[in-house]
C-alpha cells in the first residue's frame, strides 16, 4: 500500500511540472507622450525582466519607437509587464500588461505608452 501511495504521489508531482520553453519577446513602444531624452525601460515578472530593475529600451529614430528584445525561459503561456519612463511606471493603479506568447516562440509587442 505504501508503494502505491508513493507511486501516486510521484506521478502527481511529475505531471504538475510544465515544460519550459524559450520565448523571444520584442517590446516596442510608440514615443507619443514620452518627452524627448527620456529613460525608457520595461519591467516584468520573467527573467531577464524584473519588477525591481529597469530593462532599458533603445530608441529607434527610423521608426520613432523604443525597442528591446529579450529571451524568456518559461513554462507559462504569457508574461506580465509594464513600461517605465524616467523611473515612473505607466498605467498607474491599473493592472499589468499581459503578453500572450506566440506558438512559434517569437512574440512582437507594439504598444502605446500609457494606453491599453
C-alpha atoms as a PDB file:
ATOM      1  CA  UNK A   1       0.000   0.000   0.000  1.00  0.00           C
ATOM      2  CA  UNK A   2       2.868   2.379   0.830  1.00  0.00           C
ATOM      3  CA  UNK A   3       4.465   1.693  -2.543  1.00  0.00           C
ATOM      4  CA  UNK A   4       1.222   2.506  -4.347  1.00  0.00           C
ATOM      5  CA  UNK A   5       0.818   5.766  -2.427  1.00  0.00           C
ATOM      6  CA  UNK A   6       4.414   6.742  -3.148  1.00  0.00           C
ATOM      7  CA  UNK A   7       3.925   5.959  -6.828  1.00  0.00           C
ATOM      8  CA  UNK A   8       0.719   8.033  -6.979  1.00  0.00           C
ATOM      9  CA  UNK A   9       2.360  10.996  -5.262  1.00  0.00           C
ATOM     10  CA  UNK A  10       5.342  10.802  -7.618  1.00  0.00           C
ATOM     11  CA  UNK A  11       3.070  10.705 -10.668  1.00  0.00           C
ATOM     12  CA  UNK A  12       1.025  13.650  -9.430  1.00  0.00           C
ATOM     13  CA  UNK A  13       4.094  15.766  -8.761  1.00  0.00           C
ATOM     14  CA  UNK A  14       5.673  14.888 -12.085  1.00  0.00           C
ATOM     15  CA  UNK A  15       2.506  15.666 -14.050  1.00  0.00           C
ATOM     16  CA  UNK A  16       2.254  19.144 -12.467  1.00  0.00           C
ATOM     17  CA  UNK A  17       5.558  20.317 -13.923  1.00  0.00           C
ATOM     18  CA  UNK A  18       5.150  22.449 -17.025  1.00  0.00           C
ATOM     19  CA  UNK A  19       7.615  22.148 -19.862  1.00  0.00           C
ATOM     20  CA  UNK A  20       9.938  25.151 -20.076  1.00  0.00           C
ATOM     21  CA  UNK A  21      10.150  26.810 -23.490  1.00  0.00           C
ATOM     22  CA  UNK A  22      12.310  29.594 -24.859  1.00  0.00           C
ATOM     23  CA  UNK A  23      10.287  32.627 -25.862  1.00  0.00           C
ATOM     24  CA  UNK A  24      11.766  35.586 -27.734  1.00  0.00           C
ATOM     25  CA  UNK A  25       9.812  38.766 -26.975  1.00  0.00           C
ATOM     26  CA  UNK A  26      10.324  42.111 -28.716  1.00  0.00           C
ATOM     27  CA  UNK A  27       8.912  45.045 -26.768  1.00  0.00           C
ATOM     28  CA  UNK A  28       8.130  48.090 -28.927  1.00  0.00           C
ATOM     29  CA  UNK A  29       6.566  51.261 -27.599  1.00  0.00           C
ATOM     30  CA  UNK A  30       5.404  54.312 -29.560  1.00  0.00           C
ATOM     31  CA  UNK A  31       7.103  57.521 -28.399  1.00  0.00           C
ATOM     32  CA  UNK A  32       3.997  59.736 -28.452  1.00  0.00           C
ATOM     33  CA  UNK A  33       3.568  61.094 -24.939  1.00  0.00           C
ATOM     34  CA  UNK A  34       7.174  60.385 -23.970  1.00  0.00           C
ATOM     35  CA  UNK A  35       9.338  63.511 -23.530  1.00  0.00           C
ATOM     36  CA  UNK A  36      12.473  63.573 -25.735  1.00  0.00           C
ATOM     37  CA  UNK A  37      15.608  62.319 -23.987  1.00  0.00           C
ATOM     38  CA  UNK A  38      13.648  60.204 -21.515  1.00  0.00           C
ATOM     39  CA  UNK A  39      14.871  56.987 -19.974  1.00  0.00           C
ATOM     40  CA  UNK A  40      12.516  54.278 -21.254  1.00  0.00           C
ATOM     41  CA  UNK A  41      12.509  50.716 -19.918  1.00  0.00           C
ATOM     42  CA  UNK A  42      10.340  47.670 -19.323  1.00  0.00           C
ATOM     43  CA  UNK A  43       9.825  45.678 -16.131  1.00  0.00           C
ATOM     44  CA  UNK A  44       8.153  42.323 -15.687  1.00  0.00           C
ATOM     45  CA  UNK A  45       7.902  39.041 -13.882  1.00  0.00           C
ATOM     46  CA  UNK A  46      10.005  36.692 -16.038  1.00  0.00           C
ATOM     47  CA  UNK A  47      13.816  36.801 -16.204  1.00  0.00           C
ATOM     48  CA  UNK A  48      15.677  38.647 -17.554  1.00  0.00           C
ATOM     49  CA  UNK A  49      12.939  41.136 -16.632  1.00  0.00           C
ATOM     50  CA  UNK A  50      12.321  42.061 -13.019  1.00  0.00           C
ATOM     51  CA  UNK A  51       9.801  44.232 -11.168  1.00  0.00           C
ATOM     52  CA  UNK A  52      12.659  45.834  -9.215  1.00  0.00           C
ATOM     53  CA  UNK A  53      15.037  46.805 -12.030  1.00  0.00           C
ATOM     54  CA  UNK A  54      14.658  48.500 -15.409  1.00  0.00           C
ATOM     55  CA  UNK A  55      15.452  46.636 -18.614  1.00  0.00           C
ATOM     56  CA  UNK A  56      16.355  49.527 -20.958  1.00  0.00           C
ATOM     57  CA  UNK A  57      14.743  50.045 -24.330  1.00  0.00           C
ATOM     58  CA  UNK A  58      16.738  51.611 -27.176  1.00  0.00           C
ATOM     59  CA  UNK A  59      15.387  54.471 -29.282  1.00  0.00           C
ATOM     60  CA  UNK A  60      14.988  53.712 -32.992  1.00  0.00           C
ATOM     61  CA  UNK A  61      14.984  57.053 -34.822  1.00  0.00           C
ATOM     62  CA  UNK A  62      13.782  55.462 -38.083  1.00  0.00           C
ATOM     63  CA  UNK A  63      10.538  54.116 -36.598  1.00  0.00           C
ATOM     64  CA  UNK A  64      10.246  56.648 -33.747  1.00  0.00           C
ATOM     65  CA  UNK A  65       9.881  53.847 -31.193  1.00  0.00           C
ATOM     66  CA  UNK A  66      11.781  52.384 -28.286  1.00  0.00           C
ATOM     67  CA  UNK A  67      12.640  48.672 -28.569  1.00  0.00           C
ATOM     68  CA  UNK A  68      14.193  45.766 -26.691  1.00  0.00           C
ATOM     69  CA  UNK A  69      14.289  42.046 -27.425  1.00  0.00           C
ATOM     70  CA  UNK A  70      14.617  39.519 -24.609  1.00  0.00           C
ATOM     71  CA  UNK A  71      14.677  35.746 -24.349  1.00  0.00           C
ATOM     72  CA  UNK A  72      12.486  34.270 -21.618  1.00  0.00           C
ATOM     73  CA  UNK A  73      12.588  30.666 -20.417  1.00  0.00           C
ATOM     74  CA  UNK A  74       9.113  29.888 -19.095  1.00  0.00           C
ATOM     75  CA  UNK A  75       6.501  27.208 -18.730  1.00  0.00           C
ATOM     76  CA  UNK A  76       3.695  29.758 -18.917  1.00  0.00           C
ATOM     77  CA  UNK A  77       1.737  30.864 -21.969  1.00  0.00           C
ATOM     78  CA  UNK A  78       2.015  34.576 -21.103  1.00  0.00           C
ATOM     79  CA  UNK A  79       4.037  37.153 -19.209  1.00  0.00           C
ATOM     80  CA  UNK A  80       3.104  40.394 -17.451  1.00  0.00           C
ATOM     81  CA  UNK A  81       4.957  43.675 -17.853  1.00  0.00           C
ATOM     82  CA  UNK A  82       4.797  47.467 -17.705  1.00  0.00           C
ATOM     83  CA  UNK A  83       6.841  50.234 -19.247  1.00  0.00           C
ATOM     84  CA  UNK A  84       8.789  52.678 -17.086  1.00  0.00           C
ATOM     85  CA  UNK A  85       9.640  56.218 -18.175  1.00  0.00           C
ATOM     86  CA  UNK A  86      12.105  58.230 -16.094  1.00  0.00           C
ATOM     87  CA  UNK A  87      11.564  55.836 -13.172  1.00  0.00           C
ATOM     88  CA  UNK A  88       7.754  56.052 -13.196  1.00  0.00           C
ATOM     89  CA  UNK A  89       5.501  53.124 -14.107  1.00  0.00           C
ATOM     90  CA  UNK A  90       2.926  53.704 -16.832  1.00  0.00           C
ATOM     91  CA  UNK A  91      -0.758  52.845 -16.294  1.00  0.00           C
ATOM     92  CA  UNK A  92      -0.645  53.839 -12.621  1.00  0.00           C
ATOM     93  CA  UNK A  93      -3.181  51.979 -10.458  1.00  0.00           C
ATOM     94  CA  UNK A  94      -4.073  49.678 -13.354  1.00  0.00           C
ATOM     95  CA  UNK A  95      -3.346  46.013 -13.934  1.00  0.00           C
ATOM     96  CA  UNK A  96      -0.130  44.993 -15.646  1.00  0.00           C
ATOM     97  CA  UNK A  97       0.002  44.495 -19.380  1.00  0.00           C
ATOM     98  CA  UNK A  98      -0.189  40.838 -20.417  1.00  0.00           C
ATOM     99  CA  UNK A  99       1.606  39.388 -23.432  1.00  0.00           C
ATOM    100  CA  UNK A 100       0.346  36.066 -24.776  1.00  0.00           C
ATOM    101  CA  UNK A 101       3.285  34.170 -26.277  1.00  0.00           C
ATOM    102  CA  UNK A 102       3.127  33.196 -29.956  1.00  0.00           C
ATOM    103  CA  UNK A 103       3.094  29.471 -30.654  1.00  0.00           C
ATOM    104  CA  UNK A 104       6.271  29.815 -32.745  1.00  0.00           C
ATOM    105  CA  UNK A 105       8.207  31.295 -29.795  1.00  0.00           C
ATOM    106  CA  UNK A 106       8.591  34.792 -31.312  1.00  0.00           C
ATOM    107  CA  UNK A 107       6.300  37.440 -29.880  1.00  0.00           C
ATOM    108  CA  UNK A 108       6.346  41.054 -31.085  1.00  0.00           C
ATOM    109  CA  UNK A 109       4.542  43.642 -28.973  1.00  0.00           C
ATOM    110  CA  UNK A 110       3.568  47.045 -30.374  1.00  0.00           C
ATOM    111  CA  UNK A 111       2.299  49.246 -27.565  1.00  0.00           C
ATOM    112  CA  UNK A 112       1.448  52.895 -26.998  1.00  0.00           C
ATOM    113  CA  UNK A 113       2.702  54.497 -23.827  1.00  0.00           C
ATOM    114  CA  UNK A 114       0.060  54.737 -21.100  1.00  0.00           C
ATOM    115  CA  UNK A 115      -2.658  53.419 -23.467  1.00  0.00           C
ATOM    116  CA  UNK A 116      -4.222  49.955 -23.361  1.00  0.00           C
END
